[in-house]
Amino acid sequence: QVRLVESGGGLVQAGGSLRLSCAASGSISSIVPMGWYRQAPGKQREWVASITTGGNTNYIDSVKGRFTISRENAKNTVYLQLNSLKPEDTGVYYCNRMGVWGQGTQVTVSS
């Protein structure tokens, strides 16, 4: 069984930065694609970014050029660097690995 733990969220002013981490533990036998999602208050969870086993990345249009997803396979960890944050980036950020979700980490951006 795989467990995901997100961290790194917080309260920042618009224009600020945060670095989110997602550490996987448990029965990890292979490197697989992973993704970050977010859920704003009153809205559905949406996909934000993903990274393949080879390191190829994809982003939702609203974060392109501001967010960067990366992974450190030796540590079973995926990161999401959030730069130039906007109030509309506020929400709970979750990572996902093969259908397994973490508990999420809150990101709040004040204007």
PDB file of N, CA and C in Angstrom:
ATOM      1  N   GLN A   1       0.837  -1.184   0.000  1.00  0.00           N
ATOM      2  CA  GLN A   1       0.000   0.000   0.000  1.00  0.00           C
ATOM      3  C   GLN A   1       0.878   1.242   0.000  1.00  0.00           C
ATOM      4  N   VAL A   2       0.534   2.202  -0.864  1.00  0.00           N
ATOM      5  CA  VAL A   2       1.312   3.430  -0.993  1.00  0.00           C
ATOM      6  C   VAL A   2       0.640   4.549  -0.218  1.00  0.00           C
ATOM      7  N   ARG A   3       1.439   5.358   0.443  1.00  0.00           N
ATOM      8  CA  ARG A   3       0.935   6.524   1.169  1.00  0.00           C
ATOM      9  C   ARG A   3       1.636   7.761   0.630  1.00  0.00           C
ATOM     10  N   LEU A   4       0.857   8.818   0.440  1.00  0.00           N
ATOM     11  CA  LEU A   4       1.389  10.091  -0.052  1.00  0.00           C
ATOM     12  C   LEU A   4       1.193  11.158   1.015  1.00  0.00           C
ATOM     13  N   VAL A   5       2.222  11.943   1.249  1.00  0.00           N
ATOM     14  CA  VAL A   5       2.141  13.019   2.231  1.00  0.00           C
ATOM     15  C   VAL A   5       2.620  14.311   1.576  1.00  0.00           C
ATOM     16  N   GLU A   6       1.707  15.276   1.472  1.00  0.00           N
ATOM     17  CA  GLU A   6       2.046  16.587   0.918  1.00  0.00           C
ATOM     18  C   GLU A   6       2.465  17.532   2.037  1.00  0.00           C
ATOM     19  N   SER A   7       3.319  18.490   1.687  1.00  0.00           N
ATOM     20  CA  SER A   7       3.724  19.522   2.636  1.00  0.00           C
ATOM     21  C   SER A   7       4.167  20.752   1.859  1.00  0.00           C
ATOM     22  N   GLY A   8       4.361  21.845   2.586  1.00  0.00           N
ATOM     23  CA  GLY A   8       4.889  23.054   1.978  1.00  0.00           C
ATOM     24  C   GLY A   8       3.887  24.159   1.727  1.00  0.00           C
ATOM     25  N   GLY A   9       2.614  23.897   1.989  1.00  0.00           N
ATOM     26  CA  GLY A   9       1.619  24.938   1.792  1.00  0.00           C
ATOM     27  C   GLY A   9       1.752  26.038   2.828  1.00  0.00           C
ATOM     28  N   GLY A  10       0.970  27.108   2.626  1.00  0.00           N
ATOM     29  CA  GLY A  10       0.993  28.208   3.573  1.00  0.00           C
ATOM     30  C   GLY A  10       0.247  29.410   3.047  1.00  0.00           C
ATOM     31  N   LEU A  11       0.414  30.517   3.755  1.00  0.00           N
ATOM     32  CA  LEU A  11      -0.210  31.787   3.395  1.00  0.00           C
ATOM     33  C   LEU A  11       0.856  32.714   2.826  1.00  0.00           C
ATOM     34  N   VAL A  12       0.637  33.192   1.612  1.00  0.00           N
ATOM     35  CA  VAL A  12       1.579  34.103   0.987  1.00  0.00           C
ATOM     36  C   VAL A  12       0.828  35.246   0.325  1.00  0.00           C
ATOM     37  N   GLN A  13       1.525  36.329   0.088  1.00  0.00           N
ATOM     38  CA  GLN A  13       0.945  37.448  -0.640  1.00  0.00           C
ATOM     39  C   GLN A  13       1.039  37.187  -2.141  1.00  0.00           C
ATOM     40  N   ALA A  14       0.175  37.836  -2.872  1.00  0.00           N
ATOM     41  CA  ALA A  14       0.222  37.723  -4.329  1.00  0.00           C
ATOM     42  C   ALA A  14       1.622  38.087  -4.818  1.00  0.00           C
ATOM     43  N   GLY A  15       2.104  37.303  -5.767  1.00  0.00           N
ATOM     44  CA  GLY A  15       3.454  37.485  -6.277  1.00  0.00           C
ATOM     45  C   GLY A  15       4.491  36.646  -5.576  1.00  0.00           C
ATOM     46  N   GLY A  16       4.108  36.039  -4.468  1.00  0.00           N
ATOM     47  CA  GLY A  16       5.041  35.229  -3.707  1.00  0.00           C
ATOM     48  C   GLY A  16       5.220  33.828  -4.261  1.00  0.00           C
ATOM     49  N   SER A  17       6.004  33.031  -3.544  1.00  0.00           N
ATOM     50  CA  SER A  17       6.336  31.681  -4.001  1.00  0.00           C
ATOM     51  C   SER A  17       6.189  30.680  -2.867  1.00  0.00           C
ATOM     52  N   LEU A  18       5.933  29.449  -3.258  1.00  0.00           N
ATOM     53  CA  LEU A  18       5.920  28.317  -2.340  1.00  0.00           C
ATOM     54  C   LEU A  18       6.482  27.105  -3.065  1.00  0.00           C
ATOM     55  N   ARG A  19       6.991  26.160  -2.299  1.00  0.00           N
ATOM     56  CA  ARG A  19       7.433  24.896  -2.880  1.00  0.00           C
ATOM     57  C   ARG A  19       6.729  23.761  -2.151  1.00  0.00           C
ATOM     58  N   LEU A  20       5.902  23.052  -2.894  1.00  0.00           N
ATOM     59  CA  LEU A  20       5.170  21.919  -2.339  1.00  0.00           C
ATOM     60  C   LEU A  20       5.954  20.635  -2.570  1.00  0.00           C
ATOM     61  N   SER A  21       5.849  19.728  -1.606  1.00  0.00           N
ATOM     62  CA  SER A  21       6.480  18.416  -1.727  1.00  0.00           C
ATOM     63  C   SER A  21       5.432  17.331  -1.542  1.00  0.00           C
ATOM     64  N   CYS A  22       5.648  16.217  -2.209  1.00  0.00           N
ATOM     65  CA  CYS A  22       4.784  15.050  -2.058  1.00  0.00           C
ATOM     66  C   CYS A  22       5.693  13.835  -1.929  1.00  0.00           C
ATOM     67  N   ALA A  23       5.731  13.269  -0.735  1.00  0.00           N
ATOM     68  CA  ALA A  23       6.590  12.120  -0.473  1.00  0.00           C
ATOM     69  C   ALA A  23       5.765  10.842  -0.470  1.00  0.00           C
ATOM     70  N   ALA A  24       6.215   9.878  -1.239  1.00  0.00           N
ATOM     71  CA  ALA A  24       5.534   8.587  -1.311  1.00  0.00           C
ATOM     72  C   ALA A  24       6.270   7.567  -0.462  1.00  0.00           C
ATOM     73  N   SER A  25       5.518   6.734   0.227  1.00  0.00           N
ATOM     74  CA  SER A  25       6.115   5.669   1.031  1.00  0.00           C
ATOM     75  C   SER A  25       5.242   4.426   0.935  1.00  0.00           C
ATOM     76  N   GLY A  26       5.807   3.306   1.360  1.00  0.00           N
ATOM     77  CA  GLY A  26       5.051   2.061   1.317  1.00  0.00           C
ATOM     78  C   GLY A  26       5.545   1.129   0.229  1.00  0.00           C
ATOM     79  N   SER A  27       4.618   0.422  -0.385  1.00  0.00           N
ATOM     80  CA  SER A  27       4.952  -0.604  -1.388  1.00  0.00           C
ATOM     81  C   SER A  27       5.206   0.034  -2.751  1.00  0.00           C
ATOM     82  N   ILE A  28       6.373   0.652  -2.879  1.00  0.00           N
ATOM     83  CA  ILE A  28       6.732   1.321  -4.118  1.00  0.00           C
ATOM     84  C   ILE A  28       7.733   0.450  -4.853  1.00  0.00           C
ATOM     85  N   SER A  29       7.299  -0.114  -5.951  1.00  0.00           N
ATOM     86  CA  SER A  29       8.165  -1.028  -6.678  1.00  0.00           C
ATOM     87  C   SER A  29       8.616  -0.481  -8.019  1.00  0.00           C
ATOM     88  N   SER A  30       8.040   0.643  -8.427  1.00  0.00           N
ATOM     89  CA  SER A  30       8.410   1.196  -9.718  1.00  0.00           C
ATOM     90  C   SER A  30       8.154   2.698  -9.747  1.00  0.00           C
ATOM     91  N   ILE A  31       8.799   3.339 -10.699  1.00  0.00           N
ATOM     92  CA  ILE A  31       8.590   4.772 -10.912  1.00  0.00           C
ATOM     93  C   ILE A  31       7.406   4.923 -11.857  1.00  0.00           C
ATOM     94  N   VAL A  32       6.464   5.761 -11.488  1.00  0.00           N
ATOM     95  CA  VAL A  32       5.252   5.939 -12.291  1.00  0.00           C
ATOM     96  C   VAL A  32       4.974   7.420 -12.473  1.00  0.00           C
ATOM     97  N   PRO A  33       4.131   7.774 -13.442  1.00  0.00           N
ATOM     98  CA  PRO A  33       3.753   9.181 -13.580  1.00  0.00           C
ATOM     99  C   PRO A  33       3.047   9.674 -12.323  1.00  0.00           C
ATOM    100  N   MET A  34       3.218  10.958 -12.022  1.00  0.00           N
ATOM    101  CA  MET A  34       2.553  11.543 -10.864  1.00  0.00           C
ATOM    102  C   MET A  34       2.013  12.911 -11.244  1.00  0.00           C
ATOM    103  N   GLY A  35       1.038  13.353 -10.481  1.00  0.00           N
ATOM    104  CA  GLY A  35       0.413  14.630 -10.791  1.00  0.00           C
ATOM    105  C   GLY A  35       0.045  15.428  -9.566  1.00  0.00           C
ATOM    106  N   TRP A  36      -0.141  16.710  -9.781  1.00  0.00           N
ATOM    107  CA  TRP A  36      -0.644  17.616  -8.751  1.00  0.00           C
ATOM    108  C   TRP A  36      -2.021  18.120  -9.188  1.00  0.00           C
ATOM    109  N   TYR A  37      -2.909  18.216  -8.243  1.00  0.00           N
ATOM    110  CA  TYR A  37      -4.252  18.728  -8.443  1.00  0.00           C
ATOM    111  C   TYR A  37      -4.534  19.773  -7.382  1.00  0.00           C
ATOM    112  N   ARG A  38      -5.577  20.553  -7.582  1.00  0.00           N
ATOM    113  CA  ARG A  38      -5.978  21.516  -6.554  1.00  0.00           C
ATOM    114  C   ARG A  38      -7.493  21.640  -6.532  1.00  0.00           C
ATOM    115  N   GLN A  39      -7.987  22.042  -5.380  1.00  0.00           N
ATOM    116  CA  GLN A  39      -9.422  22.255  -5.218  1.00  0.00           C
ATOM    117  C   GLN A  39      -9.650  23.566  -4.498  1.00  0.00           C
ATOM    118  N   ALA A  40     -10.233  24.513  -5.216  1.00  0.00           N
ATOM    119  CA  ALA A  40     -10.558  25.806  -4.639  1.00  0.00           C
ATOM    120  C   ALA A  40     -11.886  25.699  -3.891  1.00  0.00           C
ATOM    121  N   PRO A  41     -12.107  26.582  -2.940  1.00  0.00           N
ATOM    122  CA  PRO A  41     -13.374  26.546  -2.184  1.00  0.00           C
ATOM    123  C   PRO A  41     -14.593  26.595  -3.091  1.00  0.00           C
ATOM    124  N   GLY A  42     -15.498  25.659  -2.941  1.00  0.00           N
ATOM    125  CA  GLY A  42     -16.719  25.634  -3.728  1.00  0.00           C
ATOM    126  C   GLY A  42     -16.568  25.147  -5.149  1.00  0.00           C
ATOM    127  N   LYS A  43     -15.378  24.668  -5.502  1.00  0.00           N
ATOM    128  CA  LYS A  43     -15.138  24.214  -6.866  1.00  0.00           C
ATOM    129  C   LYS A  43     -14.684  22.757  -6.880  1.00  0.00           C
ATOM    130  N   GLN A  44     -14.744  22.162  -8.067  1.00  0.00           N
ATOM    131  CA  GLN A  44     -14.286  20.792  -8.203  1.00  0.00           C
ATOM    132  C   GLN A  44     -12.763  20.740  -8.255  1.00  0.00           C
ATOM    133  N   ARG A  45     -12.237  19.595  -7.874  1.00  0.00           N
ATOM    134  CA  ARG A  45     -10.799  19.388  -7.959  1.00  0.00           C
ATOM    135  C   ARG A  45     -10.380  19.420  -9.420  1.00  0.00           C
ATOM    136  N   GLU A  46      -9.265  20.106  -9.705  1.00  0.00           N
ATOM    137  CA  GLU A  46      -8.775  20.185 -11.069  1.00  0.00           C
ATOM    138  C   GLU A  46      -7.314  19.776 -11.152  1.00  0.00           C
ATOM    139  N   TRP A  47      -6.975  19.211 -12.281  1.00  0.00           N
ATOM    140  CA  TRP A  47      -5.586  18.844 -12.558  1.00  0.00           C
ATOM    141  C   TRP A  47      -4.770  20.105 -12.761  1.00  0.00           C
ATOM    142  N   VAL A  48      -3.537  20.120 -12.226  1.00  0.00           N
ATOM    143  CA  VAL A  48      -2.658  21.270 -12.346  1.00  0.00           C
ATOM    144  C   VAL A  48      -1.421  20.946 -13.177  1.00  0.00           C
ATOM    145  N   ALA A  49      -0.763  19.828 -12.856  1.00  0.00           N
ATOM    146  CA  ALA A  49       0.483  19.495 -13.539  1.00  0.00           C
ATOM    147  C   ALA A  49       0.742  18.011 -13.384  1.00  0.00           C
ATOM    148  N   SER A  50       1.527  17.482 -14.313  1.00  0.00           N
ATOM    149  CA  SER A  50       1.912  16.080 -14.222  1.00  0.00           C
ATOM    150  C   SER A  50       3.310  15.895 -14.770  1.00  0.00           C
ATOM    151  N   ILE A  51       3.938  14.795 -14.349  1.00  0.00           N
ATOM    152  CA  ILE A  51       5.289  14.490 -14.787  1.00  0.00           C
ATOM    153  C   ILE A  51       5.371  12.997 -15.073  1.00  0.00           C
ATOM    154  N   THR A  52       5.992  12.660 -16.212  1.00  0.00           N
ATOM    155  CA  THR A  52       6.099  11.260 -16.597  1.00  0.00           C
ATOM    156  C   THR A  52       7.311  10.614 -15.932  1.00  0.00           C
ATOM    157  N   THR A  53       7.452   9.310 -16.160  1.00  0.00           N
ATOM    158  CA  THR A  53       8.611   8.620 -15.601  1.00  0.00           C
ATOM    159  C   THR A  53       9.907   9.166 -16.191  1.00  0.00           C
ATOM    160  N   GLY A  54       9.839   9.673 -17.415  1.00  0.00           N
ATOM    161  CA  GLY A  54      11.034  10.223 -18.066  1.00  0.00           C
ATOM    162  C   GLY A  54      11.274  11.686 -17.789  1.00  0.00           C
ATOM    163  N   GLY A  55      10.370  12.287 -17.015  1.00  0.00           N
ATOM    164  CA  GLY A  55      10.558  13.688 -16.649  1.00  0.00           C
ATOM    165  C   GLY A  55       9.845  14.691 -17.533  1.00  0.00           C
ATOM    166  N   ASN A  56       9.058  14.205 -18.501  1.00  0.00           N
ATOM    167  CA  ASN A  56       8.272  15.139 -19.313  1.00  0.00           C
ATOM    168  C   ASN A  56       7.147  15.724 -18.471  1.00  0.00           C
ATOM    169  N   THR A  57       6.875  17.001 -18.682  1.00  0.00           N
ATOM    170  CA  THR A  57       5.901  17.703 -17.849  1.00  0.00           C
ATOM    171  C   THR A  57       4.780  18.317 -18.683  1.00  0.00           C
ATOM    172  N   ASN A  58       3.637  18.462 -18.035  1.00  0.00           N
ATOM    173  CA  ASN A  58       2.488  19.130 -18.639  1.00  0.00           C
ATOM    174  C   ASN A  58       1.801  19.962 -17.573  1.00  0.00           C
ATOM    175  N   TYR A  59       1.192  21.076 -18.012  1.00  0.00           N
ATOM    176  CA  TYR A  59       0.566  22.007 -17.071  1.00  0.00           C
ATOM    177  C   TYR A  59      -0.769  22.502 -17.610  1.00  0.00           C
ATOM    178  N   ILE A  60      -1.659  22.816 -16.686  1.00  0.00           N
ATOM    179  CA  ILE A  60      -2.869  23.516 -17.066  1.00  0.00           C
ATOM    180  C   ILE A  60      -2.461  24.915 -17.531  1.00  0.00           C
ATOM    181  N   ASP A  61      -3.182  25.461 -18.498  1.00  0.00           N
ATOM    182  CA  ASP A  61      -2.763  26.736 -19.101  1.00  0.00           C
ATOM    183  C   ASP A  61      -2.595  27.858 -18.077  1.00  0.00           C
ATOM    184  N   SER A  62      -3.421  27.875 -17.066  1.00  0.00           N
ATOM    185  CA  SER A  62      -3.418  28.986 -16.114  1.00  0.00           C
ATOM    186  C   SER A  62      -2.156  29.053 -15.260  1.00  0.00           C
ATOM    187  N   VAL A  63      -1.349  28.004 -15.245  1.00  0.00           N
ATOM    188  CA  VAL A  63      -0.139  28.015 -14.414  1.00  0.00           C
ATOM    189  C   VAL A  63       1.136  27.926 -15.239  1.00  0.00           C
ATOM    190  N   LYS A  64       1.015  27.786 -16.541  1.00  0.00           N
ATOM    191  CA  LYS A  64       2.205  27.681 -17.397  1.00  0.00           C
ATOM    192  C   LYS A  64       3.077  28.919 -17.235  1.00  0.00           C
ATOM    193  N   GLY A  65       4.362  28.670 -17.065  1.00  0.00           N
ATOM    194  CA  GLY A  65       5.308  29.762 -16.877  1.00  0.00           C
ATOM    195  C   GLY A  65       5.449  30.215 -15.437  1.00  0.00           C
ATOM    196  N   ARG A  66       4.567  29.728 -14.560  1.00  0.00           N
ATOM    197  CA  ARG A  66       4.628  30.117 -13.145  1.00  0.00           C
ATOM    198  C   ARG A  66       4.928  28.933 -12.231  1.00  0.00           C
ATOM    199  N   PHE A  67       4.400  27.771 -12.559  1.00  0.00           N
ATOM    200  CA  PHE A  67       4.594  26.570 -11.740  1.00  0.00           C
ATOM    201  C   PHE A  67       5.553  25.619 -12.438  1.00  0.00           C
ATOM    202  N   THR A  68       6.315  24.865 -11.640  1.00  0.00           N
ATOM    203  CA  THR A  68       7.225  23.863 -12.182  1.00  0.00           C
ATOM    204  C   THR A  68       7.115  22.583 -11.373  1.00  0.00           C
ATOM    205  N   ILE A  69       6.818  21.489 -12.058  1.00  0.00           N
ATOM    206  CA  ILE A  69       6.766  20.182 -11.398  1.00  0.00           C
ATOM    207  C   ILE A  69       8.090  19.466 -11.647  1.00  0.00           C
ATOM    208  N   SER A  70       8.581  18.783 -10.639  1.00  0.00           N
ATOM    209  CA  SER A  70       9.821  18.026 -10.772  1.00  0.00           C
ATOM    210  C   SER A  70       9.744  16.807  -9.865  1.00  0.00           C
ATOM    211  N   ARG A  71      10.669  15.893 -10.037  1.00  0.00           N
ATOM    212  CA  ARG A  71      10.656  14.707  -9.197  1.00  0.00           C
ATOM    213  C   ARG A  71      12.079  14.296  -8.833  1.00  0.00           C
ATOM    214  N   GLU A  72      12.174  13.675  -7.685  1.00  0.00           N
ATOM    215  CA  GLU A  72      13.448  13.135  -7.208  1.00  0.00           C
ATOM    216  C   GLU A  72      13.202  11.655  -6.913  1.00  0.00           C
ATOM    217  N   ASN A  73      13.485  10.820  -7.892  1.00  0.00           N
ATOM    218  CA  ASN A  73      13.102   9.415  -7.783  1.00  0.00           C
ATOM    219  C   ASN A  73      13.775   8.697  -6.612  1.00  0.00           C
ATOM    220  N   ALA A  74      14.996   9.059  -6.304  1.00  0.00           N
ATOM    221  CA  ALA A  74      15.706   8.399  -5.211  1.00  0.00           C
ATOM    222  C   ALA A  74      15.006   8.616  -3.873  1.00  0.00           C
ATOM    223  N   LYS A  75      14.253   9.712  -3.777  1.00  0.00           N
ATOM    224  CA  LYS A  75      13.528  10.028  -2.544  1.00  0.00           C
ATOM    225  C   LYS A  75      12.035   9.776  -2.679  1.00  0.00           C
ATOM    226  N   ASN A  76      11.605   9.227  -3.837  1.00  0.00           N
ATOM    227  CA  ASN A  76      10.172   8.995  -4.072  1.00  0.00           C
ATOM    228  C   ASN A  76       9.365  10.259  -3.789  1.00  0.00           C
ATOM    229  N   THR A  77       9.878  11.381  -4.256  1.00  0.00           N
ATOM    230  CA  THR A  77       9.262  12.666  -3.957  1.00  0.00           C
ATOM    231  C   THR A  77       9.030  13.457  -5.242  1.00  0.00           C
ATOM    232  N   VAL A  78       7.880  14.111  -5.297  1.00  0.00           N
ATOM    233  CA  VAL A  78       7.552  15.014  -6.391  1.00  0.00           C
ATOM    234  C   VAL A  78       7.356  16.405  -5.799  1.00  0.00           C
ATOM    235  N   TYR A  79       7.806  17.406  -6.513  1.00  0.00           N
ATOM    236  CA  TYR A  79       7.724  18.787  -6.046  1.00  0.00           C
ATOM    237  C   TYR A  79       6.853  19.617  -6.994  1.00  0.00           C
ATOM    238  N   LEU A  80       6.320  20.693  -6.462  1.00  0.00           N
ATOM    239  CA  LEU A  80       5.640  21.683  -7.294  1.00  0.00           C
ATOM    240  C   LEU A  80       6.085  23.056  -6.809  1.00  0.00           C
ATOM    241  N   GLN A  81       6.887  23.720  -7.640  1.00  0.00           N
ATOM    242  CA  GLN A  81       7.333  25.072  -7.341  1.00  0.00           C
ATOM    243  C   GLN A  81       6.289  26.052  -7.843  1.00  0.00           C
ATOM    244  N   LEU A  82       5.772  26.875  -6.946  1.00  0.00           N
ATOM    245  CA  LEU A  82       4.733  27.835  -7.296  1.00  0.00           C
ATOM    246  C   LEU A  82       5.323  29.243  -7.218  1.00  0.00           C
ATOM    247  N   ASN A  83       5.439  29.913  -8.330  1.00  0.00           N
ATOM    248  CA  ASN A  83       5.949  31.281  -8.393  1.00  0.00           C
ATOM    249  C   ASN A  83       4.867  32.234  -8.897  1.00  0.00           C
ATOM    250  N   SER A  84       5.073  33.507  -8.650  1.00  0.00           N
ATOM    251  CA  SER A  84       4.138  34.545  -9.110  1.00  0.00           C
ATOM    252  C   SER A  84       2.704  34.173  -8.751  1.00  0.00           C
ATOM    253  N   LEU A  85       2.499  33.803  -7.511  1.00  0.00           N
ATOM    254  CA  LEU A  85       1.191  33.312  -7.088  1.00  0.00           C
ATOM    255  C   LEU A  85       0.124  34.391  -7.175  1.00  0.00           C
ATOM    256  N   LYS A  86      -1.075  33.947  -7.503  1.00  0.00           N
ATOM    257  CA  LYS A  86      -2.232  34.831  -7.631  1.00  0.00           C
ATOM    258  C   LYS A  86      -3.316  34.373  -6.652  1.00  0.00           C
ATOM    259  N   PRO A  87      -4.206  35.254  -6.242  1.00  0.00           N
ATOM    260  CA  PRO A  87      -5.292  34.839  -5.335  1.00  0.00           C
ATOM    261  C   PRO A  87      -6.092  33.657  -5.889  1.00  0.00           C
ATOM    262  N   GLU A  88      -6.235  33.567  -7.184  1.00  0.00           N
ATOM    263  CA  GLU A  88      -6.994  32.459  -7.773  1.00  0.00           C
ATOM    264  C   GLU A  88      -6.262  31.124  -7.694  1.00  0.00           C
ATOM    265  N   ASP A  89      -5.015  31.130  -7.233  1.00  0.00           N
ATOM    266  CA  ASP A  89      -4.288  29.876  -7.005  1.00  0.00           C
ATOM    267  C   ASP A  89      -4.628  29.275  -5.636  1.00  0.00           C
ATOM    268  N   THR A  90      -5.398  29.983  -4.845  1.00  0.00           N
ATOM    269  CA  THR A  90      -5.775  29.499  -3.518  1.00  0.00           C
ATOM    270  C   THR A  90      -6.557  28.197  -3.606  1.00  0.00           C
ATOM    271  N   GLY A  91      -6.222  27.255  -2.726  1.00  0.00           N
ATOM    272  CA  GLY A  91      -6.927  25.990  -2.677  1.00  0.00           C
ATOM    273  C   GLY A  91      -6.108  24.949  -1.938  1.00  0.00           C
ATOM    274  N   VAL A  92      -6.667  23.764  -1.853  1.00  0.00           N
ATOM    275  CA  VAL A  92      -5.944  22.630  -1.291  1.00  0.00           C
ATOM    276  C   VAL A  92      -5.278  21.897  -2.447  1.00  0.00           C
ATOM    277  N   TYR A  93      -3.991  21.697  -2.322  1.00  0.00           N
ATOM    278  CA  TYR A  93      -3.221  21.033  -3.367  1.00  0.00           C
ATOM    279  C   TYR A  93      -2.973  19.578  -2.973  1.00  0.00           C
ATOM    280  N   TYR A  94      -3.269  18.683  -3.897  1.00  0.00           N
ATOM    281  CA  TYR A  94      -3.131  17.246  -3.681  1.00  0.00           C
ATOM    282  C   TYR A  94      -2.181  16.651  -4.717  1.00  0.00           C
ATOM    283  N   CYS A  95      -1.441  15.633  -4.303  1.00  0.00           N
ATOM    284  CA  CYS A  95      -0.712  14.877  -5.303  1.00  0.00           C
ATOM    285  C   CYS A  95      -1.407  13.528  -5.486  1.00  0.00           C
ATOM    286  N   ASN A  96      -1.142  12.948  -6.642  1.00  0.00           N
ATOM    287  CA  ASN A  96      -1.783  11.691  -7.001  1.00  0.00           C
ATOM    288  C   ASN A  96      -0.774  10.748  -7.621  1.00  0.00           C
ATOM    289  N   ARG A  97      -0.821   9.498  -7.196  1.00  0.00           N
ATOM    290  CA  ARG A  97       0.054   8.472  -7.743  1.00  0.00           C
ATOM    291  C   ARG A  97      -0.797   7.232  -8.006  1.00  0.00           C
ATOM    292  N   MET A  98      -1.048   6.967  -9.257  1.00  0.00           N
ATOM    293  CA  MET A  98      -1.788   5.768  -9.660  1.00  0.00           C
ATOM    294  C   MET A  98      -3.102   5.634  -8.889  1.00  0.00           C
ATOM    295  N   GLY A  99      -3.818   6.742  -8.752  1.00  0.00           N
ATOM    296  CA  GLY A  99      -5.117   6.710  -8.113  1.00  0.00           C
ATOM    297  C   GLY A  99      -5.095   6.884  -6.609  1.00  0.00           C
ATOM    298  N   VAL A 100      -3.910   6.973  -6.039  1.00  0.00           N
ATOM    299  CA  VAL A 100      -3.782   7.198  -4.593  1.00  0.00           C
ATOM    300  C   VAL A 100      -3.613   8.700  -4.345  1.00  0.00           C
ATOM    301  N   TRP A 101      -4.351   9.212  -3.374  1.00  0.00           N
ATOM    302  CA  TRP A 101      -4.321  10.638  -3.051  1.00  0.00           C
ATOM    303  C   TRP A 101      -3.684  10.865  -1.693  1.00  0.00           C
ATOM    304  N   GLY A 102      -2.997  12.006  -1.562  1.00  0.00           N
ATOM    305  CA  GLY A 102      -2.544  12.427  -0.258  1.00  0.00           C
ATOM    306  C   GLY A 102      -3.637  13.197   0.453  1.00  0.00           C
ATOM    307  N   GLN A 103      -3.312  13.744   1.617  1.00  0.00           N
ATOM    308  CA  GLN A 103      -4.305  14.467   2.406  1.00  0.00           C
ATOM    309  C   GLN A 103      -4.443  15.915   1.979  1.00  0.00           C
ATOM    310  N   GLY A 104      -3.501  16.389   1.191  1.00  0.00           N
ATOM    311  CA  GLY A 104      -3.557  17.753   0.685  1.00  0.00           C
ATOM    312  C   GLY A 104      -2.806  18.737   1.571  1.00  0.00           C
ATOM    313  N   THR A 105      -2.427  19.852   0.967  1.00  0.00           N
ATOM    314  CA  THR A 105      -1.788  20.944   1.698  1.00  0.00           C
ATOM    315  C   THR A 105      -2.416  22.252   1.232  1.00  0.00           C
ATOM    316  N   GLN A 106      -2.762  23.108   2.190  1.00  0.00           N
ATOM    317  CA  GLN A 106      -3.498  24.342   1.890  1.00  0.00           C
ATOM    318  C   GLN A 106      -2.558  25.433   1.389  1.00  0.00           C
ATOM    319  N   VAL A 107      -2.929  26.038   0.282  1.00  0.00           N
ATOM    320  CA  VAL A 107      -2.234  27.213  -0.243  1.00  0.00           C
ATOM    321  C   VAL A 107      -3.227  28.367  -0.253  1.00  0.00           C
ATOM    322  N   THR A 108      -2.868  29.451   0.416  1.00  0.00           N
ATOM    323  CA  THR A 108      -3.714  30.635   0.459  1.00  0.00           C
ATOM    324  C   THR A 108      -2.912  31.834  -0.018  1.00  0.00           C
ATOM    325  N   VAL A 109      -3.418  32.503  -1.039  1.00  0.00           N
ATOM    326  CA  VAL A 109      -2.731  33.657  -1.610  1.00  0.00           C
ATOM    327  C   VAL A 109      -3.583  34.892  -1.355  1.00  0.00           C
ATOM    328  N   SER A 110      -3.039  35.840  -0.626  1.00  0.00           N
ATOM    329  CA  SER A 110      -3.771  37.063  -0.312  1.00  0.00           C
ATOM    330  C   SER A 110      -3.456  38.146  -1.337  1.00  0.00           C
ATOM    331  N   SER A 111      -4.441  38.987  -1.579  1.00  0.00           N
ATOM    332  CA  SER A 111      -4.261  40.045  -2.583  1.00  0.00           C
ATOM    333  C   SER A 111      -3.710  41.306  -1.957  1.00  0.00           C
TER     334      SER A 111
END
